[in-house]
Protein backbone atom coordinates (compact mmCIF):
# COMPACT_ATOMS: atom_id res chain seq x y z
CA MET A 1 6.63 -25.57 10.74
CA THR A 2 3.18 -26.05 9.27
CA ARG A 3 2.14 -25.77 5.67
CA ARG A 4 -0.19 -22.90 6.63
CA ARG A 5 2.69 -20.79 7.90
CA VAL A 6 4.72 -21.50 4.77
CA VAL A 7 1.80 -20.44 2.56
CA ALA A 8 1.14 -17.35 4.70
CA ALA A 9 4.82 -16.37 4.48
CA HIS A 10 4.79 -16.67 0.68
CA ILE A 11 1.66 -14.53 0.51
CA LEU A 12 3.20 -11.89 2.78
CA ARG A 13 6.32 -11.75 0.60
CA LEU A 14 4.17 -11.27 -2.48
CA GLU A 15 2.17 -8.55 -0.76
CA GLY A 16 5.36 -6.78 0.22
CA VAL A 17 6.33 -6.77 -3.45
CA LEU A 18 2.87 -5.43 -4.39
CA LEU A 19 3.24 -2.63 -1.83
CA LEU A 20 6.59 -1.77 -3.38
CA THR A 21 4.86 -1.74 -6.78
CA VAL A 22 2.25 0.70 -5.47
CA ALA A 23 5.07 2.86 -4.10
CA GLY A 24 6.70 2.83 -7.52
CA ILE A 25 3.44 3.76 -9.24
CA HIS A 26 2.91 6.55 -6.72
CA LEU A 27 6.34 8.02 -7.41
CA ALA A 28 6.34 7.34 -11.17
CA VAL A 29 3.13 9.26 -11.87
CA ILE A 30 4.44 12.50 -10.34
CA PRO A 31 5.65 13.97 -13.67
CA GLU A 32 2.35 13.13 -15.37
CA LEU A 33 0.38 14.63 -12.49
CA ARG A 34 2.48 17.79 -12.73
CA SER A 35 1.72 18.00 -16.45
CA VAL A 36 -1.99 17.60 -15.80
CA LEU A 37 -1.95 20.36 -13.19
CA VAL A 38 0.09 22.69 -15.42
CA ARG A 39 -2.42 22.20 -18.27
CA ASN A 40 -5.49 22.69 -16.07
CA LEU A 41 -4.52 25.42 -13.61
CA ASP A 42 -3.49 29.00 -14.06
CA ARG A 43 0.02 29.90 -12.91
CA ALA A 44 -1.04 31.21 -9.47
CA SER A 45 -3.26 28.19 -8.75
CA PHE A 46 -0.51 25.80 -9.83
CA SER A 47 2.04 27.61 -7.65
CA PHE A 48 -0.34 27.28 -4.70
CA ALA A 49 -1.43 23.65 -5.26
CA TRP A 50 1.70 21.92 -6.56
CA PRO A 51 4.05 22.08 -3.52
CA PRO A 52 1.71 20.37 -1.02
CA PHE A 53 0.51 17.96 -3.72
CA LEU A 54 4.09 17.00 -4.55
CA LEU A 55 5.01 16.70 -0.88
CA ASN A 56 2.08 14.38 -0.26
CA HIS A 57 2.85 12.15 -3.24
CA VAL A 58 6.53 11.88 -2.40
CA VAL A 59 5.93 11.21 1.32
CA VAL A 60 3.32 8.52 0.69
CA GLY A 61 5.40 6.88 -2.04
CA ILE A 62 8.50 6.81 0.11
CA LEU A 63 6.67 5.57 3.23
CA LEU A 64 5.19 2.69 1.24
CA ILE A 65 8.72 1.43 0.56
CA PRO A 66 9.63 0.51 4.18
CA ILE A 67 6.14 -0.91 4.70
CA GLY A 68 6.63 -3.17 1.69
CA VAL A 69 10.15 -4.15 2.73
CA SER A 70 9.23 -4.85 6.35
CA THR A 71 6.22 -6.88 5.20
CA ILE A 72 8.66 -9.03 3.22
CA PHE A 73 10.86 -9.35 6.31
CA CYS A 74 8.01 -10.22 8.67
CA ALA A 75 7.09 -13.13 6.36
CA SER A 76 10.07 -15.11 7.66
CA GLY A 77 8.93 -14.47 11.24
CA VAL A 78 5.44 -15.75 10.45
CA ARG A 79 6.99 -18.80 8.79
CA ALA A 80 9.03 -19.42 11.96
CA GLY A 81 5.93 -19.04 14.13
CA GLU A 82 6.93 -15.79 15.84
CA ARG A 83 4.10 -13.74 17.31
CA TRP A 84 5.86 -10.37 16.81
CA ALA A 85 5.82 -10.98 13.05
CA TRP A 86 2.08 -11.65 13.16
CA ARG A 87 1.54 -8.39 15.06
CA VAL A 88 3.61 -6.39 12.59
CA GLY A 89 1.91 -8.01 9.61
CA MET A 90 -1.57 -7.54 11.05
CA SER A 91 -0.95 -3.89 11.93
CA TYR A 92 0.14 -3.29 8.32
CA ALA A 93 -2.85 -5.25 7.00
CA ILE A 94 -5.26 -3.13 9.02
CA ALA A 95 -3.53 0.10 7.98
CA VAL A 96 -3.49 -0.92 4.33
CA LEU A 97 -7.16 -1.97 4.47
CA THR A 98 -8.14 1.49 5.69
CA LEU A 99 -6.59 3.23 2.68
CA PRO A 100 -9.03 2.22 -0.08
CA ALA A 101 -11.96 2.65 2.30
CA ALA A 102 -10.76 6.18 3.07
CA LEU A 103 -10.30 6.93 -0.64
CA VAL A 104 -13.83 5.80 -1.47
CA ALA A 105 -15.20 7.82 1.45
CA ILE A 106 -13.44 11.10 0.69
CA MET A 107 -12.64 11.18 -3.03
CA ASP A 108 -15.03 12.19 -5.79
CA ARG A 109 -15.84 9.24 -8.03
CA HIS A 110 -14.34 10.84 -11.15
CA TYR A 111 -10.83 10.43 -9.69
CA PHE A 112 -11.23 6.69 -10.02
CA THR A 113 -11.30 7.07 -13.83
CA ALA A 114 -7.55 7.82 -13.82
CA VAL A 115 -5.88 4.47 -14.56
CA PRO A 116 -2.84 4.94 -12.25
CA PHE A 117 -5.08 6.08 -9.38
CA LEU A 118 -7.54 3.23 -9.87
CA THR A 119 -4.73 0.68 -10.27
CA ALA A 120 -3.03 1.81 -7.07
CA ALA A 121 -6.34 1.79 -5.13
CA ILE A 122 -7.17 -1.73 -6.36
CA LEU A 123 -3.68 -3.04 -5.59
CA VAL A 124 -3.75 -1.57 -2.09
CA GLY A 125 -7.21 -3.03 -1.42
CA ALA A 126 -6.16 -6.44 -2.72
CA VAL A 127 -2.98 -6.37 -0.65
CA GLY A 128 -4.88 -5.41 2.50
CA ILE A 129 -7.37 -8.25 2.09
CA SER A 130 -4.83 -10.83 1.06
CA MET A 131 -2.55 -9.74 3.88
CA ALA A 132 -5.16 -10.12 6.60
CA TRP A 133 -6.66 -13.49 5.72
CA PRO A 134 -3.44 -15.59 5.85
CA LEU A 135 -2.49 -13.90 9.12
CA ILE A 136 -5.89 -14.74 10.58
CA TRP A 137 -5.52 -18.27 9.15
CA VAL A 138 -2.23 -18.92 11.03
CA ARG A 139 -2.88 -16.90 14.19
CA ARG A 140 -3.35 -19.86 16.53
CA GLU A 141 -0.13 -21.48 15.33
CA LEU A 142 2.10 -18.63 16.49
CA SER A 143 3.81 -18.58 19.86
């Protein structure tokens, strides 16, 4: 086992924890987001907007949990030099990297002034970048 794979595995474990943190943030801000919508929308608009908004937030938050956990698990495969773990990690890295790019492309800039939103976007971007580079770094060492 090379030092590169050990370092890459540690980084992947950390990134898995960061993804779990983003999931927690995503789920934790739901009550605050509800309060904001209640204060800013009339009753009919809130009744129309809240259910799909809530569904989206819950689904994304929950789906980030298995991605974070499986990223932690694939770290041991990368450490052992297993190619499947590299493929899993790289597919997550690419998926995670697309998220902040998509947010910047489709969201109005004023949304980025909300601290939880900005924090989650920055964490996801950092995780995507720091997930990809160690996997690229060890790629040739995997069987």
